[in-house]
Amino acid sequence: MGEFTDKIKGAVNNAVGNAKQNSDDPNVRAEGDRQELKGDVQDTKGKVKGVINDL
């Protein structure tokens, strides 16, 4: 269950971060970069949970 949740959260953060990167405001673009990075970390966390559960 945690694997799926982390992957979904990661995908949502990646999408929102990507949308923010199209802003004209440099602060919002920087926030989008951070949010996309957070999404990548969450997705990786979900993948690791999946590997551990498969063992």
Protein backbone atom coordinates (compact mmCIF):
# COMPACT_ATOMS: atom_id res chain seq x y z
CA MET A 1 0.00 0.00 0.00
CA GLY A 2 2.75 2.48 0.88
CA GLU A 3 4.50 1.80 -2.41
CA PHE A 4 1.48 2.84 -4.46
CA THR A 5 0.81 5.92 -2.31
CA ASP A 6 4.41 7.15 -2.61
CA LYS A 7 4.39 6.67 -6.38
CA ILE A 8 1.10 8.62 -6.71
CA LYS A 9 2.37 11.46 -4.51
CA GLY A 10 5.56 11.54 -6.55
CA ALA A 11 3.66 11.74 -9.83
CA VAL A 12 1.45 14.56 -8.52
CA ASN A 13 4.42 16.56 -7.23
CA ASN A 14 6.23 16.06 -10.55
CA ALA A 15 3.21 17.31 -12.50
CA VAL A 16 2.62 20.35 -10.27
CA GLY A 17 6.34 21.17 -10.20
CA ASN A 18 6.52 20.93 -13.96
CA ALA A 19 3.54 23.28 -14.33
CA LYS A 20 5.14 25.81 -11.96
CA GLN A 21 8.32 25.80 -14.04
CA ASN A 22 6.37 27.47 -16.87
CA SER A 23 5.71 30.56 -14.74
CA ASP A 24 7.14 33.99 -15.49
CA ASP A 25 8.01 34.44 -11.81
CA PRO A 26 11.52 33.15 -11.00
CA ASN A 27 10.48 32.33 -7.42
CA VAL A 28 7.64 30.13 -8.64
CA ARG A 29 9.97 28.42 -11.14
CA ALA A 30 12.43 27.68 -8.32
CA GLU A 31 9.58 26.31 -6.21
CA GLY A 32 8.61 24.11 -9.15
CA ASP A 33 12.16 22.74 -9.36
CA ARG A 34 12.08 21.84 -5.68
CA GLN A 35 8.62 20.29 -5.94
CA GLU A 36 9.66 18.20 -8.93
CA LEU A 37 12.72 17.00 -7.02
CA LYS A 38 10.47 16.08 -4.10
CA GLY A 39 8.30 14.09 -6.49
CA ASP A 40 11.35 12.22 -7.81
CA VAL A 41 12.36 11.32 -4.26
CA GLN A 42 8.85 10.11 -3.42
CA ASP A 43 8.72 7.99 -6.57
CA THR A 44 12.09 6.45 -5.75
CA LYS A 45 10.91 5.77 -2.19
CA GLY A 46 7.89 3.93 -3.59
CA LYS A 47 10.08 1.86 -5.91
CA VAL A 48 12.37 0.91 -3.03
CA LYS A 49 9.36 -0.15 -0.95
CA GLY A 50 8.22 -2.29 -3.85
CA VAL A 51 11.60 -4.03 -4.12
CA ILE A 52 11.71 -4.64 -0.38
CA ASN A 53 8.18 -6.08 -0.41
CA ASP A 54 9.11 -8.41 -3.28
CA LEU A 55 11.94 -9.95 -1.27
